[in-house]
Structures are given as C-alpha cells and as structure tokens.
C-alpha atoms as a PDB file:
ATOM      1  CA  MET A   1     104.640  93.673  71.942  1.00  0.00           C
ATOM      2  CA  ASP A   2     106.353  90.332  71.440  1.00  0.00           C
ATOM      3  CA  LEU A   3     104.604  88.317  74.151  1.00  0.00           C
ATOM      4  CA  LYS A   4     105.755  84.804  75.012  1.00  0.00           C
ATOM      5  CA  GLN A   5     103.966  83.954  78.270  1.00  0.00           C
ATOM      6  CA  THR A   6     100.921  86.229  78.142  1.00  0.00           C
ATOM      7  CA  LYS A   7      98.287  87.360  75.659  1.00  0.00           C
ATOM      8  CA  PHE A   8      96.895  90.870  75.232  1.00  0.00           C
ATOM      9  CA  GLU A   9      93.779  91.468  73.149  1.00  0.00           C
ATOM     10  CA  ILE A  10      91.485  94.502  72.870  1.00  0.00           C
ATOM     11  CA  SER A  11      87.871  94.336  71.746  1.00  0.00           C
ATOM     12  CA  GLU A  12      85.055  96.868  72.190  1.00  0.00           C
ATOM     13  CA  GLY A  13      86.922  98.814  74.833  1.00  0.00           C
ATOM     14  CA  ILE A  14      87.910  95.762  76.891  1.00  0.00           C
ATOM     15  CA  ALA A  15      91.490  94.520  77.133  1.00  0.00           C
ATOM     16  CA  ILE A  16      91.780  90.831  77.962  1.00  0.00           C
ATOM     17  CA  VAL A  17      95.099  89.806  79.504  1.00  0.00           C
ATOM     18  CA  THR A  18      95.709  86.067  79.649  1.00  0.00           C
ATOM     19  CA  LEU A  19      98.476  84.385  81.633  1.00  0.00           C
ATOM     20  CA  ASN A  20      99.564  81.882  79.032  1.00  0.00           C
ATOM     21  CA  ARG A  21     101.604  78.977  80.361  1.00  0.00           C
ATOM     22  CA  PRO A  22      98.806  76.401  80.678  1.00  0.00           C
ATOM     23  CA  GLU A  23     101.238  73.478  80.659  1.00  0.00           C
ATOM     24  CA  ARG A  24     102.736  74.914  83.901  1.00  0.00           C
ATOM     25  CA  MET A  25      99.433  76.122  85.386  1.00  0.00           C
ATOM     26  CA  ASN A  26     100.545  79.637  84.388  1.00  0.00           C
ATOM     27  CA  ALA A  27     103.338  79.614  86.966  1.00  0.00           C
ATOM     28  CA  PHE A  28     104.912  83.056  87.325  1.00  0.00           C
ATOM     29  CA  THR A  29     108.349  83.724  85.819  1.00  0.00           C
ATOM     30  CA  PRO A  30     110.516  86.821  85.332  1.00  0.00           C
ATOM     31  CA  VAL A  31     109.443  86.850  81.674  1.00  0.00           C
ATOM     32  CA  MET A  32     105.764  86.806  82.618  1.00  0.00           C
ATOM     33  CA  GLY A  33     106.353  89.555  85.174  1.00  0.00           C
ATOM     34  CA  GLN A  34     108.018  91.845  82.657  1.00  0.00           C
ATOM     35  CA  GLU A  35     105.310  91.208  80.085  1.00  0.00           C
ATOM     36  CA  LEU A  36     102.606  92.099  82.605  1.00  0.00           C
ATOM     37  CA  MET A  37     104.397  95.333  83.495  1.00  0.00           C
ATOM     38  CA  ASP A  38     104.620  96.230  79.806  1.00  0.00           C
ATOM     39  CA  ILE A  39     100.960  95.329  79.202  1.00  0.00           C
ATOM     40  CA  PHE A  40      99.640  97.487  82.031  1.00  0.00           C
ATOM     41  CA  ALA A  41     101.813 100.419  80.977  1.00  0.00           C
ATOM     42  CA  GLU A  42     100.347 100.047  77.477  1.00  0.00           C
ATOM     43  CA  ALA A  43      96.759  99.728  78.741  1.00  0.00           C
ATOM     44  CA  ASP A  44      97.186 102.842  80.869  1.00  0.00           C
ATOM     45  CA  GLN A  45      98.203 104.914  77.836  1.00  0.00           C
ATOM     46  CA  ASP A  46      95.737 103.451  75.312  1.00  0.00           C
ATOM     47  CA  ASP A  47      92.489 105.426  75.238  1.00  0.00           C
ATOM     48  CA  SER A  48      90.752 102.587  73.386  1.00  0.00           C
ATOM     49  CA  VAL A  49      91.048 100.517  76.583  1.00  0.00           C
ATOM     50  CA  ARG A  50      88.265 101.279  79.063  1.00  0.00           C
ATOM     51  CA  ALA A  51      88.681  98.251  81.337  1.00  0.00           C
ATOM     52  CA  VAL A  52      91.126  95.371  81.722  1.00  0.00           C
ATOM     53  CA  VAL A  53      90.207  91.753  82.470  1.00  0.00           C
ATOM     54  CA  VAL A  54      92.950  89.369  83.620  1.00  0.00           C
ATOM     55  CA  THR A  55      92.500  85.607  83.427  1.00  0.00           C
ATOM     56  CA  GLY A  56      94.499  82.405  82.980  1.00  0.00           C
ATOM     57  CA  ALA A  57      94.802  79.952  80.103  1.00  0.00           C
ATOM     58  CA  GLY A  58      93.659  76.423  80.865  1.00  0.00           C
ATOM     59  CA  LYS A  59      92.375  75.242  84.238  1.00  0.00           C
ATOM     60  CA  ALA A  60      94.440  77.477  86.526  1.00  0.00           C
ATOM     61  CA  PHE A  61      94.792  81.206  87.015  1.00  0.00           C
ATOM     62  CA  CYS A  62      98.366  81.132  88.355  1.00  0.00           C
ATOM     63  CA  ALA A  63      99.930  78.408  90.485  1.00  0.00           C
ATOM     64  CA  GLY A  64     102.462  80.829  91.967  1.00  0.00           C
ATOM     65  CA  ALA A  65     106.156  81.198  91.267  1.00  0.00           C
ATOM     66  CA  ASP A  66     107.724  78.647  88.944  1.00  0.00           C
ATOM     67  CA  LEU A  67     109.740  76.481  91.340  1.00  0.00           C
ATOM     68  CA  THR A  68     111.505  74.383  88.699  1.00  0.00           C
ATOM     69  CA  THR A  69     114.781  76.173  89.421  1.00  0.00           C
ATOM     70  CA  GLY A  70     114.793  74.412  92.798  1.00  0.00           C
ATOM     71  CA  GLU A  71     115.997  75.649  96.172  1.00  0.00           C
ATOM     72  CA  ALA A  72     117.508  78.841  94.738  1.00  0.00           C
ATOM     73  CA  THR A  73     114.174  80.028  93.285  1.00  0.00           C
ATOM     74  CA  PHE A  74     113.791  82.881  95.755  1.00  0.00           C
ATOM     75  CA  ASP A  75     117.496  83.765  95.997  1.00  0.00           C
ATOM     76  CA  SER A  76     117.802  87.056  94.149  1.00  0.00           C
ATOM     77  CA  THR A  77     121.458  87.692  94.972  1.00  0.00           C
ATOM     78  CA  MET A  78     122.166  87.417  91.257  1.00  0.00           C
ATOM     79  CA  THR A  79     119.658  89.264  89.071  1.00  0.00           C
ATOM     80  CA  GLU A  80     119.994  89.567  85.312  1.00  0.00           C
ATOM     81  CA  GLY A  81     123.563  88.364  85.499  1.00  0.00           C
ATOM     82  CA  ARG A  82     124.823  90.743  88.168  1.00  0.00           C
ATOM     83  CA  LYS A  83     125.110  90.661  91.927  1.00  0.00           C
ATOM     84  CA  ILE A  84     122.706  92.981  93.746  1.00  0.00           C
ATOM     85  CA  SER A  85     122.378  94.038  97.367  1.00  0.00           C
ATOM     86  CA  ILE A  86     119.374  93.931  99.698  1.00  0.00           C
ATOM     87  CA  ALA A  87     119.009  97.697  99.263  1.00  0.00           C
ATOM     88  CA  GLU A  88     118.889  97.363  95.466  1.00  0.00           C
ATOM     89  CA  HIS A  89     116.488  94.446  95.209  1.00  0.00           C
ATOM     90  CA  ARG A  90     112.956  95.150  93.998  1.00  0.00           C
ATOM     91  CA  ASP A  91     110.471  92.293  94.204  1.00  0.00           C
ATOM     92  CA  ARG A  92     109.197  91.475  90.714  1.00  0.00           C
ATOM     93  CA  GLY A  93     105.718  90.616  91.968  1.00  0.00           C
ATOM     94  CA  GLY A  94     105.644  94.015  93.619  1.00  0.00           C
ATOM     95  CA  LYS A  95     106.566  95.711  90.365  1.00  0.00           C
ATOM     96  CA  VAL A  96     103.653  93.955  88.687  1.00  0.00           C
ATOM     97  CA  ALA A  97     101.323  94.953  91.543  1.00  0.00           C
ATOM     98  CA  LEU A  98     102.397  98.588  91.234  1.00  0.00           C
ATOM     99  CA  ALA A  99     101.897  98.518  87.456  1.00  0.00           C
ATOM    100  CA  ILE A 100      98.323  97.330  88.050  1.00  0.00           C
ATOM    101  CA  PHE A 101      97.766  99.850  90.848  1.00  0.00           C
ATOM    102  CA  ASN A 102      99.076 102.722  88.708  1.00  0.00           C
ATOM    103  CA  CYS A 103      96.938 101.808  85.691  1.00  0.00           C
ATOM    104  CA  ARG A 104      94.140 104.367  85.419  1.00  0.00           C
ATOM    105  CA  LYS A 105      91.761 101.808  83.910  1.00  0.00           C
ATOM    106  CA  PRO A 106      89.647  99.503  86.111  1.00  0.00           C
ATOM    107  CA  VAL A 107      91.213  96.050  86.379  1.00  0.00           C
ATOM    108  CA  ILE A 108      89.065  92.961  86.914  1.00  0.00           C
ATOM    109  CA  GLY A 109      90.587  89.655  87.970  1.00  0.00           C
ATOM    110  CA  ALA A 110      88.752  86.715  86.382  1.00  0.00           C
ATOM    111  CA  ILE A 111      90.352  84.054  88.589  1.00  0.00           C
ATOM    112  CA  ASN A 112      89.294  80.990  86.631  1.00  0.00           C
ATOM    113  CA  GLY A 113      91.189  78.448  88.722  1.00  0.00           C
ATOM    114  CA  HIS A 114      93.902  77.916  91.320  1.00  0.00           C
ATOM    115  CA  ALA A 115      95.710  81.070  92.484  1.00  0.00           C
ATOM    116  CA  VAL A 116      98.538  80.539  94.959  1.00  0.00           C
ATOM    117  CA  GLY A 117     101.384  82.752  96.170  1.00  0.00           C
ATOM    118  CA  VAL A 118     102.008  85.498  93.632  1.00  0.00           C
ATOM    119  CA  GLY A 119      99.052  84.038  91.748  1.00  0.00           C
ATOM    120  CA  ILE A 120      96.734  85.544  94.355  1.00  0.00           C
ATOM    121  CA  THR A 121      98.812  88.512  95.573  1.00  0.00           C
ATOM    122  CA  MET A 122      99.027  89.942  92.045  1.00  0.00           C
ATOM    123  CA  THR A 123      95.219  90.197  92.067  1.00  0.00           C
ATOM    124  CA  LEU A 124      95.014  92.308  95.238  1.00  0.00           C
ATOM    125  CA  PRO A 125      95.626  95.657  93.477  1.00  0.00           C
ATOM    126  CA  MET A 126      92.935  94.740  90.946  1.00  0.00           C
ATOM    127  CA  ASP A 127      89.716  96.634  91.517  1.00  0.00           C
ATOM    128  CA  ILE A 128      87.343  93.669  91.273  1.00  0.00           C
ATOM    129  CA  ARG A 129      88.021  89.948  91.795  1.00  0.00           C
ATOM    130  CA  ILE A 130      85.748  87.213  90.460  1.00  0.00           C
ATOM    131  CA  VAL A 131      86.770  83.662  91.313  1.00  0.00           C
ATOM    132  CA  ALA A 132      85.839  80.070  90.571  1.00  0.00           C
ATOM    133  CA  ALA A 133      84.251  78.560  93.683  1.00  0.00           C
ATOM    134  CA  ASP A 134      86.452  75.448  93.541  1.00  0.00           C
ATOM    135  CA  ALA A 135      89.712  77.326  92.948  1.00  0.00           C
ATOM    136  CA  LYS A 136      92.471  76.640  95.464  1.00  0.00           C
ATOM    137  CA  ILE A 137      93.775  79.868  96.984  1.00  0.00           C
ATOM    138  CA  GLY A 138      96.787  80.225  99.247  1.00  0.00           C
ATOM    139  CA  PHE A 139      99.049  82.892 100.708  1.00  0.00           C
ATOM    140  CA  VAL A 140     101.641  80.154 101.198  1.00  0.00           C
ATOM    141  CA  PHE A 141     104.787  82.224 101.811  1.00  0.00           C
ATOM    142  CA  ALA A 142     105.457  81.127 105.410  1.00  0.00           C
ATOM    143  CA  ARG A 143     105.265  77.511 104.233  1.00  0.00           C
ATOM    144  CA  ARG A 144     108.026  78.239 101.713  1.00  0.00           C
ATOM    145  CA  GLY A 145     110.274  80.091 104.146  1.00  0.00           C
ATOM    146  CA  VAL A 146     109.673  83.544 102.673  1.00  0.00           C
ATOM    147  CA  VAL A 147     107.306  86.471 103.321  1.00  0.00           C
ATOM    148  CA  PRO A 148     104.356  88.028 101.491  1.00  0.00           C
ATOM    149  CA  GLU A 149     105.368  90.035  98.439  1.00  0.00           C
ATOM    150  CA  ALA A 150     103.713  92.039  95.647  1.00  0.00           C
ATOM    151  CA  CYS A 151     102.824  94.782  98.171  1.00  0.00           C
ATOM    152  CA  SER A 152     100.311  92.319  99.669  1.00  0.00           C
ATOM    153  CA  SER A 153     101.043  93.335 103.265  1.00  0.00           C
ATOM    154  CA  TRP A 154      99.576  96.725 102.276  1.00  0.00           C
ATOM    155  CA  PHE A 155      96.682  95.499 100.141  1.00  0.00           C
ATOM    156  CA  LEU A 156      95.432  92.405 101.994  1.00  0.00           C
ATOM    157  CA  PRO A 157      94.588  93.995 105.396  1.00  0.00           C
ATOM    158  CA  ARG A 158      92.799  96.813 103.607  1.00  0.00           C
ATOM    159  CA  ILE A 159      90.682  94.317 101.702  1.00  0.00           C
ATOM    160  CA  VAL A 160      89.846  91.716 104.372  1.00  0.00           C
ATOM    161  CA  GLY A 161      90.861  93.396 107.651  1.00  0.00           C
ATOM    162  CA  ILE A 162      93.957  92.805 109.743  1.00  0.00           C
ATOM    163  CA  ALA A 163      92.602  89.851 111.756  1.00  0.00           C
ATOM    164  CA  ARG A 164      91.667  87.791 108.713  1.00  0.00           C
ATOM    165  CA  ALA A 165      94.859  88.820 106.898  1.00  0.00           C
ATOM    166  CA  THR A 166      97.051  87.606 109.767  1.00  0.00           C
ATOM    167  CA  GLU A 167      95.369  84.198 109.772  1.00  0.00           C
ATOM    168  CA  LEU A 168      95.731  83.779 106.009  1.00  0.00           C
ATOM    169  CA  ILE A 169      99.382  84.850 106.055  1.00  0.00           C
ATOM    170  CA  TYR A 170     100.614  83.213 109.267  1.00  0.00           C
ATOM    171  CA  THR A 171      99.133  79.791 108.510  1.00  0.00           C
ATOM    172  CA  GLY A 172      99.911  79.766 104.796  1.00  0.00           C
ATOM    173  CA  ARG A 173      96.792  77.638 104.512  1.00  0.00           C
ATOM    174  CA  VAL A 174      95.459  76.611 101.090  1.00  0.00           C
ATOM    175  CA  PHE A 175      91.668  76.904 100.903  1.00  0.00           C
ATOM    176  CA  ARG A 176      88.859  76.761  98.379  1.00  0.00           C
ATOM    177  CA  ALA A 177      87.659  80.174  97.249  1.00  0.00           C
ATOM    178  CA  GLU A 178      84.108  79.410  98.376  1.00  0.00           C
ATOM    179  CA  GLU A 179      85.383  79.246 101.984  1.00  0.00           C
ATOM    180  CA  GLN A 180      86.180  82.985 101.809  1.00  0.00           C
ATOM    181  CA  ALA A 181      83.048  84.013  99.950  1.00  0.00           C
ATOM    182  CA  SER A 182      82.039  86.470 102.672  1.00  0.00           C
ATOM    183  CA  SER A 183      85.504  87.795 103.528  1.00  0.00           C
ATOM    184  CA  GLY A 184      85.629  90.653 101.035  1.00  0.00           C
ATOM    185  CA  LEU A 185      88.534  89.032  99.202  1.00  0.00           C
ATOM    186  CA  PHE A 186      86.288  88.316  96.218  1.00  0.00           C
ATOM    187  CA  ASN A 187      83.391  90.270  94.722  1.00  0.00           C
ATOM    188  CA  TYR A 188      81.828  87.135  93.254  1.00  0.00           C
ATOM    189  CA  VAL A 189      82.411  83.421  93.835  1.00  0.00           C
ATOM    190  CA  LEU A 190      80.915  81.548  90.900  1.00  0.00           C
ATOM    191  CA  PRO A 191      81.012  78.250  89.020  1.00  0.00           C
ATOM    192  CA  ARG A 192      84.198  78.161  86.958  1.00  0.00           C
ATOM    193  CA  GLU A 193      82.450  78.559  83.598  1.00  0.00           C
ATOM    194  CA  GLU A 194      80.730  81.769  84.751  1.00  0.00           C
ATOM    195  CA  VAL A 195      83.852  83.614  85.911  1.00  0.00           C
ATOM    196  CA  LEU A 196      85.099  85.132  82.649  1.00  0.00           C
ATOM    197  CA  PRO A 197      81.598  85.963  81.297  1.00  0.00           C
ATOM    198  CA  LYS A 198      80.810  87.824  84.540  1.00  0.00           C
ATOM    199  CA  ALA A 199      84.069  89.770  84.324  1.00  0.00           C
ATOM    200  CA  LEU A 200      83.379  90.702  80.699  1.00  0.00           C
ATOM    201  CA  THR A 201      79.841  91.804  81.557  1.00  0.00           C
ATOM    202  CA  ILE A 202      81.108  94.190  84.235  1.00  0.00           C
ATOM    203  CA  ALA A 203      83.906  95.435  81.962  1.00  0.00           C
ATOM    204  CA  GLY A 204      81.373  96.013  79.186  1.00  0.00           C
ATOM    205  CA  GLU A 205      79.145  98.020  81.500  1.00  0.00           C
ATOM    206  CA  ILE A 206      82.102 100.246  82.366  1.00  0.00           C
ATOM    207  CA  ALA A 207      83.174 100.579  78.723  1.00  0.00           C
ATOM    208  CA  MET A 208      79.733 101.421  77.339  1.00  0.00           C
ATOM    209  CA  GLN A 209      78.052 103.435  80.105  1.00  0.00           C
ATOM    210  CA  THR A 210      80.664 105.503  81.935  1.00  0.00           C
ATOM    211  CA  SER A 211      83.030 108.407  81.409  1.00  0.00           C
ATOM    212  CA  ALA A 212      86.654 107.263  81.196  1.00  0.00           C
ATOM    213  CA  VAL A 213      87.855 110.333  83.091  1.00  0.00           C
ATOM    214  CA  SER A 214      85.177 109.928  85.774  1.00  0.00           C
ATOM    215  CA  VAL A 215      86.250 106.320  86.320  1.00  0.00           C
ATOM    216  CA  ALA A 216      89.967 107.194  86.379  1.00  0.00           C
ATOM    217  CA  LEU A 217      89.386 109.933  88.949  1.00  0.00           C
ATOM    218  CA  SER A 218      87.080 107.688  90.978  1.00  0.00           C
ATOM    219  CA  LYS A 219      89.720 104.949  91.036  1.00  0.00           C
ATOM    220  CA  ALA A 220      92.275 107.436  92.337  1.00  0.00           C
ATOM    221  CA  LEU A 221      89.860 108.799  94.948  1.00  0.00           C
ATOM    222  CA  LEU A 222      89.045 105.331  96.271  1.00  0.00           C
ATOM    223  CA  TRP A 223      92.551 103.886  96.434  1.00  0.00           C
ATOM    224  CA  HIS A 224      94.383 107.004  97.590  1.00  0.00           C
ATOM    225  CA  GLY A 225      91.595 107.848 100.007  1.00  0.00           C
ATOM    226  CA  LEU A 226      92.706 104.795 101.983  1.00  0.00           C
ATOM    227  CA  THR A 227      95.784 106.687 103.111  1.00  0.00           C
ATOM    228  CA  GLU A 228      94.121 110.010 103.953  1.00  0.00           C
ATOM    229  CA  LYS A 229      94.095 110.833 107.659  1.00  0.00           C
ATOM    230  CA  ASP A 230      90.414 111.745 108.052  1.00  0.00           C
ATOM    231  CA  PRO A 231      87.141 112.338 106.151  1.00  0.00           C
ATOM    232  CA  GLN A 232      87.768 116.077 106.068  1.00  0.00           C
ATOM    233  CA  SER A 233      90.904 115.675 103.968  1.00  0.00           C
ATOM    234  CA  VAL A 234      88.993 113.381 101.585  1.00  0.00           C
ATOM    235  CA  HIS A 235      86.167 115.946 101.443  1.00  0.00           C
ATOM    236  CA  LEU A 236      88.599 118.592 100.213  1.00  0.00           C
ATOM    237  CA  ILE A 237      89.838 116.341  97.418  1.00  0.00           C
ATOM    238  CA  ASP A 238      86.322 115.151  96.503  1.00  0.00           C
ATOM    239  CA  SER A 239      85.242 118.760  96.253  1.00  0.00           C
ATOM    240  CA  ARG A 240      88.045 119.713  93.882  1.00  0.00           C
ATOM    241  CA  CYS A 241      87.331 116.734  91.632  1.00  0.00           C
ATOM    242  CA  PHE A 242      83.571 117.283  91.615  1.00  0.00           C
ATOM    243  CA  HIS A 243      83.957 121.012  90.921  1.00  0.00           C
ATOM    244  CA  TRP A 244      86.308 120.288  88.005  1.00  0.00           C
ATOM    245  CA  CYS A 245      84.146 117.488  86.566  1.00  0.00           C
ATOM    246  CA  GLY A 246      80.974 119.545  86.745  1.00  0.00           C
ATOM    247  CA  ARG A 247      82.416 122.072  84.276  1.00  0.00           C
ATOM    248  CA  GLN A 248      83.495 119.466  81.704  1.00  0.00           C
ATOM    249  CA  LYS A 249      81.669 118.247  78.602  1.00  0.00           C
ATOM    250  CA  ASP A 250      81.346 114.698  79.973  1.00  0.00           C
ATOM    251  CA  ALA A 251      79.147 115.981  82.808  1.00  0.00           C
ATOM    252  CA  HIS A 252      76.997 117.866  80.298  1.00  0.00           C
ATOM    253  CA  GLU A 253      76.723 114.717  78.180  1.00  0.00           C
ATOM    254  CA  GLY A 254      75.894 112.572  81.188  1.00  0.00           C
ATOM    255  CA  ILE A 255      72.968 114.822  82.094  1.00  0.00           C
ATOM    256  CA  MET A 256      71.644 115.223  78.542  1.00  0.00           C
ATOM    257  CA  SER A 257      71.854 111.510  77.738  1.00  0.00           C
ATOM    258  CA  PHE A 258      69.795 110.823  80.867  1.00  0.00           C
ATOM    259  CA  LEU A 259      67.187 113.471  80.027  1.00  0.00           C
ATOM    260  CA  GLU A 260      67.017 112.320  76.402  1.00  0.00           C
ATOM    261  CA  LYS A 261      66.872 108.637  77.403  1.00  0.00           C
ATOM    262  CA  ARG A 262      69.809 107.575  75.213  1.00  0.00           C
ATOM    263  CA  SER A 263      73.230 106.029  75.671  1.00  0.00           C
ATOM    264  CA  PRO A 264      75.973 108.527  76.571  1.00  0.00           C
ATOM    265  CA  ASP A 265      78.771 109.502  74.204  1.00  0.00           C
ATOM    266  CA  PHE A 266      81.582 110.573  76.497  1.00  0.00           C
ATOM    267  CA  LYS A 267      84.639 112.203  74.907  1.00  0.00           C
ATOM    268  CA  LEU A 268      87.193 113.035  77.619  1.00  0.00           C
ATOM    269  CA  SER A 269      90.478 111.118  77.648  1.00  0.00           C
ATOM    270  CA  PRO A 270      92.363 109.963  80.772  1.00  0.00           C
ATOM    271  CA  THR A 271      95.663 110.485  78.952  1.00  0.00           C
ATOM    272  CA  LYS A 272      94.919 114.043  77.754  1.00  0.00           C
ATOM    273  CA  ASP A 273      92.140 115.625  79.786  1.00  0.00           C
ATOM    274  CA  MET A 274      92.811 115.043  83.487  1.00  0.00           C
ATOM    275  CA  PRO A 275      92.671 118.103  85.793  1.00  0.00           C
ATOM    276  CA  ASP A 276      95.840 120.068  86.388  1.00  0.00           C
ATOM    277  CA  PHE A 277      95.858 119.056  90.083  1.00  0.00           C
ATOM    278  CA  TYR A 278      96.051 115.344  89.195  1.00  0.00           C
ATOM    279  CA  PRO A 279      97.792 113.527  90.810  1.00  0.00           C
ATOM    280  CA  TRP A 280      96.990 115.274  94.100  1.00  0.00           C
ATOM    281  CA  TRP A 281      98.903 112.760  96.229  1.00  0.00           C
ATOM    282  CA  LYS A 282     102.646 112.823  96.678  1.00  0.00           C
ATOM    283  CA  GLU A 283     104.274 110.306  94.377  1.00  0.00           C
ATOM    284  CA  PRO A 284     106.773 108.172  96.329  1.00  0.00           C
ATOM    285  CA  LYS A 285     110.405 108.400  95.373  1.00  0.00           C
ATOM    286  CA  VAL A 286     111.572 105.174  93.747  1.00  0.00           C
ATOM    287  CA  ASN A 287     115.276 104.369  93.741  1.00  0.00           C
END
C-alpha cells in the first residue's frame, strides 16, 4: 500500500498502525480515513497478523478532524467532486469504525496523547484501549454544531453506560483521561511512555499464546452477543462454537501443550478454517 498519512508495519504477529501527521497532531483527513480502511481490510485477510496496535506519531494520538478547510469542514454536500444527498452520505469516521469492528483480529488502541472528536470515537470499536493519563479526551461534537459519528452512539453507551455517555456527549467537555479511569472507557490509564509498551505486551501475549480462530470466534461472540435478546440465545451460539472448536486440531494442541508444559503451536487460520455457520448473525444490508 502507498501510505501517505499512516504507517503499517508487521513484526512477530503484531501489526502496528501509526497515524502519521505529527505536524498536525495526526488530525483526521479523508486520505487518512481511506488508508485506515485499507489497512484494516488487509490486516483482516493476513494470517501473519494476530493482533493490531494503533497509535499516533508524535505527542498526540489524533486531534480530531482537520479543520483547516474552515467552516465548510463538515459540509459533505460535495464529496469526491460530485453532489450527494442525505440518503447517499456515509460518514467516513463510521466507515473506519466499521472496518475496525469487522476485522477478525483483536485491535488495541495505544492512545499515546490527545484524542478528540473522531480521534476518540475511532477507538470505540477497538477491543482494548490503553491511554496516557494526561491525554486530553473529548466527544466535542455538540460544541462544533454537529453530532457524534463513527457509530459512537452505538458503541459508547455499551462501553460506559447510557448515563455517562449522555454527559460526555451532551456537554462536549474535554477532560484528562485519568478523570475517566474508572468509567470503563479505558482498560489502562498509564504514564505516556508506558502506553505503547503495554499495548505491545498484550498483543504479544495474544500472538504467542492463543489460537487465532479461537480469538476470532471469541471476538464475534462478545461483540455480537451485545445485540442478542437474552442469555438463552447466546447459549445456543456458544454451544455451536464450542462443539465445533472441540473437534478441531487447535483444541487438541491446546490440551497437549498444557499437559506437556510447552508453548502451543496452533495452526488454524481465520481466513480459511472458520466454521460453516460463521457468521451466524445477519449481515446488515449496506447501500
């Protein structure tokens, strides 16, 4: 990929994605959005990638949308040189969020500095968020005359609860990450210099110690279980997945590596070896 505003590197099963506009505090642009969509599509299909870590170049993670185009920044009447209607418009931040959500690999946000607007909403579909304690965070949309995007009205209440989500969204308040350390928004709130190492440690644990197919199925069970109507319906899906997994060579290897006190050598591939009932949820129609 010819990347201009991001970096994508793979080492020892870990893909590191870096938002790379440090001179603009990694402010989000259409180019960056498209590159992120391409990167996550690639990571999803690349069996050498076991986990993805996303961070920012320089002192910020992402300062939000690039506002240098002035008052028309959020006016999407003209997109890619043509006039589009309300019915046609698809929020670019939302497309990035869906690309992250649809990636079968675990995604870890290493939020190394300020994350505002789309800079924080793009992290909500990530599976784990690790943040610098002094980072400024803000869901500032109401203070800019717009509304939350990047599917955040779906993700945020599920992460922090509806009462906390309404306060964060309605006020548009900017706060230090450490103020929300107990909210569930972040898994870890750490000194800035510890953020990326912690993310890489967790990613390494996933890459070296777990079955790729087990993790991909677990990710689907957790996220799509949020929309199931009751525990019974989840039980039926759990049972199918567990029954299928128990007959596969990764389950045999997991047991034998434990009994033989050695590291596992899992072989199944999320791109080739998923069960025939995957995906079990109804894929939404996109138009």
